[in-house]
Amino acid sequence: MNKFYVENKEDLRVLIVNTARKKNISEAVIEKDYWVTFILDYLFNENKWKEYFTFKGGTSLSKCFGLIERFVL
């Protein structure tokens, strides 16, 4: 099971709202970050084509290599 997967919509909503309040960041930004992380985790860990992907820029620095910590929980 994907460690970023939330089982149902209500749990995801609660997670987004609580994180947004704690970090004083828009819920939309938190939700976007959740889905970007979810998809990147799938692409690099579950996808049969994972060895062929290359990302550069902010996405790879923040999500793949952990070099940008905007949302440290």
N, C-alpha and C. Protein backbone atom coordinates (compact mmCIF):
# COMPACT_ATOMS: atom_id res chain seq x y z
N MET A 1 0.85 -1.19 0.00
CA MET A 1 0.00 0.00 0.00
C MET A 1 0.88 1.24 0.00
N ASN A 2 0.50 2.19 -0.78
CA ASN A 2 1.21 3.46 -0.87
C ASN A 2 1.14 4.20 0.46
N LYS A 3 2.27 4.64 0.98
CA LYS A 3 2.29 5.32 2.28
C LYS A 3 1.61 6.67 2.25
N PHE A 4 1.35 7.21 1.06
CA PHE A 4 0.69 8.50 0.94
C PHE A 4 -0.80 8.36 0.70
N TYR A 5 -1.27 7.14 0.54
CA TYR A 5 -2.67 6.92 0.22
C TYR A 5 -3.56 7.11 1.44
N VAL A 6 -4.64 7.87 1.25
CA VAL A 6 -5.64 8.05 2.30
C VAL A 6 -6.87 7.26 1.86
N GLU A 7 -7.39 6.45 2.75
CA GLU A 7 -8.42 5.46 2.43
C GLU A 7 -9.73 6.06 1.90
N ASN A 8 -10.18 7.18 2.45
CA ASN A 8 -11.45 7.73 1.97
C ASN A 8 -11.39 9.25 1.89
N LYS A 9 -12.38 9.82 1.20
CA LYS A 9 -12.39 11.26 0.94
C LYS A 9 -12.48 12.08 2.22
N GLU A 10 -13.25 11.61 3.18
CA GLU A 10 -13.40 12.37 4.43
C GLU A 10 -12.08 12.43 5.20
N ASP A 11 -11.36 11.32 5.27
CA ASP A 11 -10.05 11.32 5.94
C ASP A 11 -9.07 12.26 5.24
N LEU A 12 -9.11 12.26 3.91
CA LEU A 12 -8.23 13.16 3.15
C LEU A 12 -8.60 14.61 3.44
N ARG A 13 -9.88 14.90 3.48
CA ARG A 13 -10.34 16.27 3.75
C ARG A 13 -9.86 16.73 5.13
N VAL A 14 -10.00 15.87 6.13
CA VAL A 14 -9.56 16.20 7.49
C VAL A 14 -8.05 16.43 7.51
N LEU A 15 -7.31 15.58 6.84
CA LEU A 15 -5.86 15.74 6.76
C LEU A 15 -5.48 17.07 6.13
N ILE A 16 -6.14 17.43 5.04
CA ILE A 16 -5.85 18.69 4.34
C ILE A 16 -6.18 19.88 5.22
N VAL A 17 -7.37 19.88 5.81
CA VAL A 17 -7.80 21.01 6.65
C VAL A 17 -6.87 21.18 7.85
N ASN A 18 -6.56 20.10 8.54
CA ASN A 18 -5.69 20.18 9.72
C ASN A 18 -4.28 20.64 9.37
N THR A 19 -3.75 20.14 8.27
CA THR A 19 -2.40 20.54 7.86
C THR A 19 -2.38 22.01 7.44
N ALA A 20 -3.40 22.44 6.72
CA ALA A 20 -3.48 23.84 6.29
C ALA A 20 -3.53 24.77 7.49
N ARG A 21 -4.31 24.41 8.49
CA ARG A 21 -4.40 25.24 9.70
C ARG A 21 -3.08 25.26 10.45
N LYS A 22 -2.48 24.09 10.61
CA LYS A 22 -1.22 24.00 11.36
C LYS A 22 -0.10 24.79 10.69
N LYS A 23 -0.06 24.75 9.36
CA LYS A 23 1.02 25.40 8.61
C LYS A 23 0.65 26.80 8.14
N ASN A 24 -0.61 27.20 8.36
CA ASN A 24 -1.10 28.49 7.90
C ASN A 24 -0.89 28.66 6.39
N ILE A 25 -1.29 27.62 5.67
CA ILE A 25 -1.16 27.56 4.21
C ILE A 25 -2.53 27.21 3.64
N SER A 26 -2.82 27.70 2.47
CA SER A 26 -4.09 27.43 1.80
C SER A 26 -4.35 25.93 1.67
N GLU A 27 -5.59 25.53 1.87
CA GLU A 27 -5.97 24.13 1.69
C GLU A 27 -5.68 23.66 0.27
N ALA A 28 -5.87 24.54 -0.70
CA ALA A 28 -5.60 24.17 -2.10
C ALA A 28 -4.13 23.81 -2.32
N VAL A 29 -3.24 24.53 -1.67
CA VAL A 29 -1.81 24.25 -1.79
C VAL A 29 -1.49 22.90 -1.15
N ILE A 30 -2.07 22.63 -0.01
CA ILE A 30 -1.85 21.35 0.68
C ILE A 30 -2.37 20.20 -0.17
N GLU A 31 -3.57 20.36 -0.72
CA GLU A 31 -4.14 19.29 -1.55
C GLU A 31 -3.30 19.05 -2.80
N LYS A 32 -2.86 20.11 -3.45
CA LYS A 32 -2.00 19.98 -4.63
C LYS A 32 -0.72 19.23 -4.26
N ASP A 33 -0.11 19.61 -3.15
CA ASP A 33 1.12 18.97 -2.70
C ASP A 33 0.89 17.48 -2.43
N TYR A 34 -0.24 17.16 -1.83
CA TYR A 34 -0.59 15.75 -1.57
C TYR A 34 -0.61 14.96 -2.88
N TRP A 35 -1.34 15.48 -3.88
CA TRP A 35 -1.48 14.74 -5.13
C TRP A 35 -0.18 14.68 -5.92
N VAL A 36 0.60 15.73 -5.92
CA VAL A 36 1.91 15.70 -6.59
C VAL A 36 2.79 14.63 -5.95
N THR A 37 2.82 14.60 -4.62
CA THR A 37 3.61 13.61 -3.90
C THR A 37 3.11 12.20 -4.18
N PHE A 38 1.80 12.03 -4.17
CA PHE A 38 1.19 10.72 -4.43
C PHE A 38 1.59 10.20 -5.81
N ILE A 39 1.45 11.04 -6.83
CA ILE A 39 1.76 10.64 -8.20
C ILE A 39 3.25 10.38 -8.39
N LEU A 40 4.10 11.24 -7.83
CA LEU A 40 5.54 11.02 -7.95
C LEU A 40 5.97 9.73 -7.25
N ASP A 41 5.38 9.46 -6.10
CA ASP A 41 5.68 8.21 -5.39
C ASP A 41 5.31 7.01 -6.27
N TYR A 42 4.15 7.07 -6.89
CA TYR A 42 3.74 5.99 -7.79
C TYR A 42 4.71 5.86 -8.98
N LEU A 43 5.01 6.96 -9.62
CA LEU A 43 5.86 6.92 -10.81
C LEU A 43 7.24 6.35 -10.51
N PHE A 44 7.80 6.67 -9.36
CA PHE A 44 9.16 6.24 -9.04
C PHE A 44 9.25 4.93 -8.27
N ASN A 45 8.13 4.45 -7.73
CA ASN A 45 8.18 3.23 -6.93
C ASN A 45 7.32 2.09 -7.44
N GLU A 46 6.26 2.38 -8.16
CA GLU A 46 5.32 1.34 -8.58
C GLU A 46 5.28 1.13 -10.09
N ASN A 47 5.58 2.13 -10.86
CA ASN A 47 5.43 2.11 -12.31
C ASN A 47 6.51 1.27 -12.97
N LYS A 48 6.12 0.45 -13.96
CA LYS A 48 7.10 -0.40 -14.63
C LYS A 48 8.11 0.38 -15.47
N TRP A 49 7.81 1.64 -15.76
CA TRP A 49 8.71 2.48 -16.56
C TRP A 49 9.56 3.40 -15.69
N LYS A 50 9.58 3.19 -14.39
CA LYS A 50 10.22 4.13 -13.45
C LYS A 50 11.68 4.45 -13.77
N GLU A 51 12.43 3.52 -14.32
CA GLU A 51 13.84 3.80 -14.59
C GLU A 51 14.05 4.74 -15.78
N TYR A 52 12.98 5.04 -16.50
CA TYR A 52 13.09 5.92 -17.66
C TYR A 52 12.69 7.36 -17.39
N PHE A 53 12.18 7.64 -16.20
CA PHE A 53 11.73 9.00 -15.86
C PHE A 53 12.87 9.87 -15.39
N THR A 54 12.83 11.12 -15.81
CA THR A 54 13.78 12.12 -15.33
C THR A 54 13.01 13.40 -15.06
N PHE A 55 13.15 13.93 -13.86
CA PHE A 55 12.53 15.20 -13.52
C PHE A 55 13.63 16.18 -13.17
N LYS A 56 13.36 17.45 -13.42
CA LYS A 56 14.33 18.47 -13.06
C LYS A 56 13.58 19.67 -12.50
N GLY A 57 14.31 20.54 -11.82
CA GLY A 57 13.70 21.75 -11.28
C GLY A 57 13.10 21.53 -9.90
N GLY A 58 12.13 22.38 -9.57
CA GLY A 58 11.55 22.39 -8.23
C GLY A 58 10.89 21.09 -7.82
N THR A 59 10.21 20.43 -8.75
CA THR A 59 9.54 19.17 -8.41
C THR A 59 10.54 18.13 -7.96
N SER A 60 11.61 17.96 -8.71
CA SER A 60 12.59 16.94 -8.33
C SER A 60 13.33 17.33 -7.06
N LEU A 61 13.63 18.59 -6.90
CA LEU A 61 14.35 19.02 -5.70
C LEU A 61 13.52 18.84 -4.44
N SER A 62 12.23 19.20 -4.52
CA SER A 62 11.41 19.14 -3.31
C SER A 62 10.86 17.75 -3.05
N LYS A 63 10.41 17.06 -4.06
CA LYS A 63 9.73 15.78 -3.86
C LYS A 63 10.64 14.57 -3.97
N CYS A 64 11.51 14.56 -4.95
CA CYS A 64 12.32 13.37 -5.19
C CYS A 64 13.58 13.32 -4.34
N PHE A 65 14.19 14.46 -4.13
CA PHE A 65 15.44 14.49 -3.40
C PHE A 65 15.32 15.10 -2.00
N GLY A 66 14.15 15.66 -1.67
CA GLY A 66 13.92 16.21 -0.34
C GLY A 66 14.78 17.43 -0.02
N LEU A 67 15.19 18.18 -1.03
CA LEU A 67 16.08 19.32 -0.79
C LEU A 67 15.34 20.61 -0.47
N ILE A 68 14.05 20.66 -0.79
CA ILE A 68 13.24 21.84 -0.46
C ILE A 68 12.18 21.39 0.53
N GLU A 69 12.18 21.95 1.71
CA GLU A 69 11.26 21.55 2.78
C GLU A 69 10.25 22.65 3.04
N ARG A 70 9.28 22.81 2.15
CA ARG A 70 8.25 23.83 2.36
C ARG A 70 7.25 23.41 3.42
N PHE A 71 6.93 22.14 3.47
CA PHE A 71 5.85 21.66 4.33
C PHE A 71 6.34 20.60 5.31
N VAL A 72 7.30 20.92 6.10
CA VAL A 72 7.79 19.98 7.10
C VAL A 72 6.73 19.85 8.17
N LEU A 73 6.29 18.62 8.42
CA LEU A 73 5.24 18.39 9.43
C LEU A 73 5.81 17.97 10.75
